[in-house]
Protein backbone atom coordinates (compact mmCIF):
# COMPACT_ATOMS: atom_id res chain seq x y z
CA UNK A 1 -11.90 -25.80 31.56
CA UNK A 2 -12.49 -25.64 27.76
CA UNK A 3 -12.72 -22.06 26.38
CA UNK A 4 -15.92 -20.16 26.55
CA UNK A 5 -16.09 -19.71 22.78
CA UNK A 6 -16.56 -23.65 22.47
CA UNK A 7 -19.77 -23.53 24.02
CA UNK A 8 -21.45 -20.72 21.80
CA UNK A 9 -22.60 -21.52 19.27
CA UNK A 10 -23.35 -19.11 16.07
CA UNK A 11 -26.85 -17.34 16.45
CA UNK A 12 -26.96 -17.29 20.00
CA UNK A 13 -26.63 -14.90 22.90
CA UNK A 14 -24.74 -15.68 25.94
CA UNK A 15 -23.28 -13.73 29.38
CA UNK A 16 -19.66 -14.24 29.76
CA UNK A 17 -18.89 -13.92 33.66
CA UNK A 18 -15.59 -14.15 35.56
CA UNK A 19 -13.79 -10.76 33.75
CA UNK A 20 -14.39 -7.66 32.63
CA UNK A 21 -14.80 -6.25 29.30
CA UNK A 22 -11.35 -5.35 29.03
CA UNK A 23 -9.95 -8.06 30.29
CA UNK A 24 -12.09 -10.24 28.01
CA UNK A 25 -9.99 -8.09 25.00
CA UNK A 26 -6.73 -8.74 26.43
CA UNK A 27 -7.61 -12.45 26.75
CA UNK A 28 -8.42 -12.58 23.03
CA UNK A 29 -5.63 -10.82 21.80
CA UNK A 30 -4.24 -12.12 19.89
CA UNK A 31 -7.07 -14.25 18.55
CA UNK A 32 -6.72 -17.74 19.37
CA UNK A 33 -6.71 -19.87 16.22
CA UNK A 34 -10.01 -21.49 17.08
CA UNK A 35 -11.97 -18.57 17.84
CA UNK A 36 -14.11 -16.58 15.74
CA UNK A 37 -13.56 -13.01 14.92
CA UNK A 38 -14.00 -10.85 18.18
CA UNK A 39 -15.11 -7.21 17.75
CA UNK A 40 -16.44 -5.21 20.63
CA UNK A 41 -19.45 -3.01 20.53
CA UNK A 42 -20.05 -0.35 23.10
CA UNK A 43 -24.07 0.07 22.24
CA UNK A 44 -25.78 3.37 22.54
CA UNK A 45 -27.74 4.33 25.33
CA UNK A 46 -31.29 3.75 23.44
CA UNK A 47 -34.63 3.11 24.02
CA UNK A 48 -35.72 0.39 21.38
CA UNK A 49 -33.97 -2.40 20.15
CA UNK A 50 -34.38 -1.16 16.50
CA UNK A 51 -32.33 1.98 17.42
CA UNK A 52 -29.21 -0.54 18.90
CA UNK A 53 -29.74 -2.63 15.83
CA UNK A 54 -29.13 0.21 13.79
CA UNK A 55 -26.10 1.56 15.29
CA UNK A 56 -24.50 -2.00 15.59
CA UNK A 57 -25.27 -2.20 11.60
CA UNK A 58 -23.73 1.40 11.18
CA UNK A 59 -20.89 0.56 13.05
CA UNK A 60 -20.30 -2.67 11.34
CA UNK A 61 -20.82 -1.53 7.82
CA UNK A 62 -17.98 1.38 8.83
CA UNK A 63 -15.96 -1.62 10.02
CA UNK A 64 -15.82 -3.34 6.70
CA UNK A 65 -15.31 -0.52 4.80
CA UNK A 66 -12.41 0.61 6.62
CA UNK A 67 -11.24 -3.19 6.59
CA UNK A 68 -11.18 -3.51 2.71
CA UNK A 69 -9.38 -5.04 0.76
CA UNK A 70 -8.64 -7.53 3.44
CA UNK A 71 -12.27 -9.45 2.65
CA UNK A 72 -11.49 -8.96 -0.87
CA UNK A 73 -7.59 -9.26 -1.12
CA UNK A 74 -7.97 -9.76 -5.13
CA UNK A 75 -8.76 -5.83 -5.04
CA UNK A 76 -5.35 -4.71 -3.36
CA UNK A 77 -3.70 -3.61 -6.37
CA UNK A 78 -7.15 -0.90 -7.15
CA UNK A 79 -6.06 2.93 -6.07
CA UNK A 80 -9.38 3.98 -6.55
CA UNK A 81 -12.58 4.32 -8.49
CA UNK A 82 -11.12 6.55 -11.75
CA UNK A 83 -10.87 4.73 -14.81
CA UNK A 84 -12.27 0.98 -14.52
CA UNK A 85 -11.38 0.68 -10.86
CA UNK A 86 -15.23 0.52 -10.00
CA UNK A 87 -16.29 -1.99 -12.78
CA UNK A 88 -13.23 -4.23 -11.61
CA UNK A 89 -13.62 -3.97 -7.91
CA UNK A 90 -17.46 -5.18 -8.58
CA UNK A 91 -16.68 -7.68 -10.78
CA UNK A 92 -14.01 -8.99 -8.50
CA UNK A 93 -16.88 -9.06 -5.66
CA UNK A 94 -19.23 -11.02 -7.54
CA UNK A 95 -16.82 -13.29 -8.78
CA UNK A 96 -16.27 -14.01 -4.70
CA UNK A 97 -19.74 -14.39 -4.06
CA UNK A 98 -20.17 -16.96 -6.84
CA UNK A 99 -17.91 -19.17 -5.23
CA UNK A 100 -19.26 -18.49 -1.58
CA UNK A 101 -21.95 -17.52 0.69
CA UNK A 102 -21.83 -14.09 -0.08
CA UNK A 103 -24.73 -12.05 -1.44
CA UNK A 104 -23.64 -10.79 -4.86
CA UNK A 105 -25.42 -7.52 -5.17
CA UNK A 106 -24.75 -6.66 -1.45
CA UNK A 107 -20.85 -7.11 -1.75
CA UNK A 108 -20.54 -5.67 -4.57
CA UNK A 109 -22.01 -2.41 -3.76
CA UNK A 110 -19.86 -2.76 -0.23
CA UNK A 111 -16.67 -3.18 -2.61
CA UNK A 112 -17.56 -0.38 -4.46
CA UNK A 113 -18.23 1.95 -1.60
CA UNK A 114 -14.90 0.94 0.30
CA UNK A 115 -12.98 1.85 -3.30
CA UNK A 116 -14.66 5.04 -3.57
CA UNK A 117 -14.03 5.99 0.19
CA UNK A 118 -10.33 5.48 -0.57
CA UNK A 119 -10.23 8.81 -2.67
CA UNK A 120 -10.00 12.37 -0.96
CA UNK A 121 -12.91 13.86 0.63
CA UNK A 122 -14.70 15.55 -1.91
CA UNK A 123 -13.28 13.51 -4.64
CA UNK A 124 -16.20 12.27 -6.46
CA UNK A 125 -20.04 11.58 -5.99
CA UNK A 126 -20.70 9.27 -3.27
CA UNK A 127 -23.88 6.78 -3.72
CA UNK A 128 -26.82 6.76 -1.47
CA UNK A 129 -26.16 4.87 1.79
CA UNK A 130 -25.95 0.97 1.62
CA UNK A 131 -28.43 0.87 4.44
CA UNK A 132 -31.14 2.43 2.08
CA UNK A 133 -30.62 -0.32 -0.85
CA UNK A 134 -30.75 -3.23 1.39
CA UNK A 135 -32.96 -4.54 4.35
CA UNK A 136 -31.51 -4.93 7.82
CA UNK A 137 -31.28 -8.71 7.71
CA UNK A 138 -29.51 -8.66 4.45
CA UNK A 139 -26.61 -6.25 5.73
CA UNK A 140 -26.49 -8.07 9.15
CA UNK A 141 -25.95 -11.38 7.21
CA UNK A 142 -23.28 -9.86 4.75
CA UNK A 143 -21.77 -7.83 7.02
CA UNK A 144 -20.93 -10.83 9.32
CA UNK A 145 -19.78 -12.58 6.43
CA UNK A 146 -17.09 -9.73 5.24
CA UNK A 147 -15.67 -9.07 9.01
CA UNK A 148 -15.37 -12.94 9.51
CA UNK A 149 -13.54 -13.10 5.81
CA UNK A 150 -11.18 -10.12 6.66
CA UNK A 151 -9.67 -12.31 9.39
CA UNK A 152 -10.24 -15.38 7.72
CA UNK A 153 -12.57 -16.83 10.31
CA UNK A 154 -15.78 -18.92 10.16
CA UNK A 155 -17.75 -17.00 12.03
CA UNK A 156 -17.92 -13.41 14.04
CA UNK A 157 -18.45 -12.88 17.85
CA UNK A 158 -19.83 -9.40 18.90
CA UNK A 159 -18.61 -9.10 22.34
CA UNK A 160 -21.27 -6.01 24.05
CA UNK A 161 -19.78 -4.34 26.61
CA UNK A 162 -22.93 -3.55 28.56
CA UNK A 163 -23.25 -0.46 30.18
CA UNK A 164 -24.14 -0.20 34.37
CA UNK A 165 -27.42 0.81 36.07
CA UNK A 166 -29.25 0.48 32.76
CA UNK A 167 -32.93 1.40 33.65
CA UNK A 168 -35.29 -2.06 33.00
CA UNK A 169 -36.60 -0.78 29.31
CA UNK A 170 -33.39 -0.23 28.08
CA UNK A 171 -31.87 -3.58 29.46
CA UNK A 172 -34.82 -5.26 27.40
CA UNK A 173 -33.82 -2.97 24.64
CA UNK A 174 -30.10 -4.29 24.38
CA UNK A 175 -30.97 -7.34 25.13
CA UNK A 176 -33.57 -7.67 22.35
CA UNK A 177 -30.85 -6.47 19.85
CA UNK A 178 -28.54 -9.08 20.67
CA UNK A 179 -31.05 -11.55 20.27
CA UNK A 180 -32.06 -10.18 16.50
CA UNK A 181 -28.70 -9.93 15.43
CA UNK A 182 -27.73 -13.28 16.35
CA UNK A 183 -30.98 -14.74 14.57
CA UNK A 184 -30.55 -12.41 11.59
CA UNK A 185 -27.04 -11.94 11.01
CA UNK A 186 -25.42 -15.25 12.45
CA UNK A 187 -23.56 -13.34 15.29
CA UNK A 188 -22.55 -15.31 18.30
CA UNK A 189 -23.20 -12.41 20.91
CA UNK A 190 -21.54 -12.20 24.28
CA UNK A 191 -22.77 -10.23 27.02
CA UNK A 192 -20.36 -8.50 29.11
CA UNK A 193 -20.13 -5.57 31.63
CA UNK A 194 -23.19 -4.93 33.87
CA UNK A 195 -25.80 -7.64 34.42
CA UNK A 196 -29.19 -7.36 32.68
CA UNK A 197 -31.49 -8.78 35.33
CA UNK A 198 -34.63 -7.36 33.35
CA UNK A 199 -33.83 -9.04 29.96
CA UNK A 200 -34.76 -12.58 31.43
CA UNK A 201 -32.61 -15.47 31.75
CA UNK A 202 -29.62 -15.93 29.69
CA UNK A 203 -27.31 -19.04 29.41
CA UNK A 204 -23.78 -18.00 31.09
CA UNK A 205 -20.50 -19.28 30.78
CA UNK A 206 -17.21 -18.53 33.05
CA UNK A 207 -14.35 -16.63 30.95
CA UNK A 208 -11.35 -18.95 30.94
CA UNK A 209 -8.09 -16.49 30.96
CA UNK A 210 -4.70 -17.45 29.61
CA UNK A 211 -2.40 -17.51 32.00
CA UNK A 212 -0.28 -14.25 31.09
CA UNK A 213 -4.15 -12.45 31.68
CA UNK A 214 -4.85 -14.27 34.89
CA UNK A 215 -1.34 -13.43 36.64
CA UNK A 216 -1.94 -9.92 35.09
CA UNK A 217 -5.39 -9.77 36.72
CA UNK A 218 -4.25 -11.21 40.21
CA UNK A 219 -1.98 -8.51 40.70
CA UNK A 220 -4.02 -5.65 39.24
CA UNK A 221 -7.48 -6.49 39.96
CA UNK A 222 -10.58 -6.48 37.96
CA UNK A 223 -13.60 -4.59 38.65
CA UNK A 224 -16.60 -6.62 39.33
CA UNK A 225 -19.48 -6.12 36.59
CA UNK A 226 -21.98 -4.12 39.00
CA UNK A 227 -19.18 -1.83 40.42
CA UNK A 228 -18.97 0.49 37.23
CA UNK A 229 -20.05 4.13 37.37
CA UNK A 230 -23.38 4.96 36.17
CA UNK A 231 -23.87 4.84 32.26
CA UNK A 232 -22.94 8.26 30.74
CA UNK A 233 -23.41 9.61 27.24
CA UNK A 234 -20.72 8.61 25.44
CA UNK A 235 -20.83 7.61 21.94
CA UNK A 236 -21.23 4.46 20.38
CA UNK A 237 -18.37 2.44 19.33
CA UNK A 238 -17.09 -0.66 17.92
CA UNK A 239 -13.20 -1.79 18.12
CA UNK A 240 -11.90 -4.53 16.07
CA UNK A 241 -8.53 -6.27 16.17
CA UNK A 242 -5.68 -5.52 13.52
CA UNK A 243 -5.19 -7.66 10.69
CA UNK A 244 -1.89 -9.19 10.62
CA UNK A 245 0.60 -7.46 8.39
CA UNK A 246 -1.79 -4.54 8.33
CA UNK A 247 -1.71 -0.94 10.00
CA UNK A 248 -5.32 -1.20 12.26
CA UNK A 249 -8.01 -0.11 10.27
CA UNK A 250 -10.09 1.33 13.35
CA UNK A 251 -6.77 3.54 14.16
CA UNK A 252 -6.55 6.90 12.10
CA UNK A 253 -2.85 7.30 13.55
CA UNK A 254 -1.92 3.82 12.25
CA UNK A 255 -3.14 4.34 8.89
CA UNK A 256 -1.76 7.83 8.78
CA UNK A 257 1.99 6.50 9.54
CA UNK A 258 1.62 3.56 7.04
CA UNK A 259 0.82 6.08 4.32
CA UNK A 260 3.94 8.01 4.75
CA UNK A 261 6.06 5.17 5.38
CA UNK A 262 5.13 3.41 2.11
CA UNK A 263 7.20 6.71 0.98
CA UNK A 264 10.06 6.45 2.82
CA UNK A 265 12.98 4.12 1.05
CA UNK A 266 14.56 3.93 4.88
CA UNK A 267 11.50 2.31 6.35
CA UNK A 268 11.92 -0.66 4.37
CA UNK A 269 11.48 -3.99 6.27
CA UNK A 270 8.96 -2.99 8.44
CA UNK A 271 6.17 -5.23 9.55
CA UNK A 272 2.75 -4.51 11.13
CA UNK A 273 0.41 -6.07 13.88
CA UNK A 274 2.68 -9.32 13.92
CA UNK A 275 2.70 -11.92 16.69
CA UNK A 276 6.00 -11.86 18.20
CA UNK A 277 7.31 -15.17 17.41
CA UNK A 278 9.38 -15.59 20.67
CA UNK A 279 6.29 -14.84 22.66
CA UNK A 280 3.29 -15.45 20.78
CA UNK A 281 0.59 -14.11 23.23
CA UNK A 282 1.96 -10.52 22.60
CA UNK A 283 1.25 -8.37 19.12
CA UNK A 284 3.83 -5.77 18.29
CA UNK A 285 1.88 -2.71 16.51
CA UNK A 286 4.98 -2.13 14.32
CA UNK A 287 8.41 -3.70 14.17
CA UNK A 288 11.65 -3.93 12.29
CA UNK A 289 13.07 -7.31 12.97
CA UNK A 290 16.99 -6.97 11.68
CA UNK A 291 17.14 -3.36 13.34
CA UNK A 292 15.41 -4.97 16.36
CA UNK A 293 13.24 -2.12 16.76
CA UNK A 294 9.91 -2.22 18.00
CA UNK A 295 6.93 0.75 18.04
CA UNK A 296 4.03 0.96 19.87
CA UNK A 297 0.98 3.16 19.16
CA UNK A 298 -1.52 3.57 21.67
CA UNK A 299 -4.49 6.05 22.30
CA UNK A 300 -6.07 6.47 25.35
CA UNK A 301 -7.89 3.11 26.24
CA UNK A 302 -4.36 1.92 26.84
CA UNK A 303 -4.23 4.01 30.15
CA UNK A 304 -6.60 1.79 31.70
CA UNK A 305 -4.73 -0.58 34.21
CA UNK A 306 -4.79 -3.59 32.52
CA UNK A 307 -3.92 -2.68 29.36
CA UNK A 308 -1.20 -0.58 30.79
CA UNK A 309 0.09 -3.21 33.17
CA UNK A 310 0.03 -5.54 29.82
CA UNK A 311 1.76 -3.07 27.69
CA UNK A 312 4.77 -2.73 30.54
CA UNK A 313 5.24 -6.29 30.71
CA UNK A 314 5.40 -6.80 26.81
CA UNK A 315 7.84 -4.00 26.61
CA UNK A 316 10.23 -5.36 29.17
CA UNK A 317 9.94 -8.76 27.61
CA UNK A 318 11.15 -7.08 24.10
CA UNK A 319 13.92 -5.09 25.70
CA UNK A 320 15.36 -8.28 27.15
CA UNK A 321 15.07 -9.81 23.87
CA UNK A 322 17.14 -7.11 22.62
CA UNK A 323 14.76 -5.16 21.26
CA UNK A 324 14.44 -1.09 21.43
CA UNK A 325 10.96 0.02 22.20
CA UNK A 326 9.71 3.38 20.81
CA UNK A 327 5.93 4.44 22.04
CA UNK A 328 4.04 7.29 20.41
CA UNK A 329 0.66 8.55 21.37
CA UNK A 330 -2.01 8.68 18.24
CA UNK A 331 -2.30 12.19 19.15
CA UNK A 332 1.64 12.62 18.53
CA UNK A 333 1.39 10.29 15.52
CA UNK A 334 -1.58 12.98 13.95
CA UNK A 335 -0.45 16.30 15.09
CA UNK A 336 3.61 15.83 14.97
CA UNK A 337 3.89 13.23 12.04
CA UNK A 338 7.14 14.92 10.65
CA UNK A 339 8.71 14.67 14.23
CA UNK A 340 7.71 11.16 14.57
CA UNK A 341 9.30 10.05 11.11
CA UNK A 342 12.38 11.98 12.20
CA UNK A 343 12.74 9.86 15.16
CA UNK A 344 12.11 6.66 13.59
CA UNK A 345 14.42 7.40 10.60
CA UNK A 346 17.41 8.42 12.73
CA UNK A 347 16.71 5.17 15.11
CA UNK A 348 16.81 2.79 12.32
CA UNK A 349 19.71 4.66 10.55
CA UNK A 350 21.76 4.58 13.66
CA UNK A 351 21.01 0.82 14.17
CA UNK A 352 22.12 0.09 10.63
CA UNK A 353 25.43 1.70 11.03
CA UNK A 354 26.03 -0.14 13.89
CA UNK A 355 25.58 -3.39 12.29
CA UNK A 356 27.46 -2.44 9.62
CA UNK A 357 30.80 -1.67 12.12
CA UNK A 358 30.01 -4.74 13.83
CA UNK A 359 30.20 -6.74 10.57
CA UNK A 360 33.49 -4.91 9.64
């Protein structure tokens, strides 16, 4: 069986069967070489397709702003909007758009806003939201290109986690929103989670799981699509994978930790979110390879049975390969950053001291 993304061209809505959204996310981490960039959208319980589309575009725009400068690497050296920062970043965006399919005015405005967002809150006047300045169709197409560029992929798949037990009107609204995003943004839209029987016929494909994820599901199980709890008022969210070599753009904890580590001489040699070469179906959040130190920073989503089991298997394999695995929660990093840094420094210095003694 070939992977499901080879059957789903851009600009189409399809239904993925055979696995929950959580398991599909695990199967696509890290992203296979021939897959599109994949972002997961947990939509609002909206009554109209326009509301769902507006929410999706706002979430995608927020993601694009956080992913900067991954989609405009020439702007890496720009620290903020002061001085010539704004003219410089706009010029770089227009230069990129001239040689690509990006729409110059949209990309320049997005780049400027991303640069302005680097300054402290209250550090300067903000421009009008991009949503006010560009039509939804322009935003959809522009954001799809920006997200794809961030991961050096040809396109973007929007993995929609369909809430359980939606009433028929909301089912139709969600399906129509998916069709709109596919048609106007060029997204590949994958529907996972609950079925949408009121939305009409949607082409379905069976998910092909990699061996390590299939083995995990075989031991821990996977809830059938219709067995979830009733839809609740949880806020809409968009999650997206890390850009290799950078802290997760959607993780306040990883971003805060890197901001502290960049100022610490003892933290040299670290690499963020890199595939583990010996076992390439695993990504290590943060690693010091020479010191054989792996660091995992996890949120509440990793308490789910599949991610929990996945994390434990990865940790055991790393330990068998001689790594120490230090685990911190997002809450620890955000509320006890000094203590986290002290633990890391102490461990790394002890490893370096031991290595120095062995050389003697």
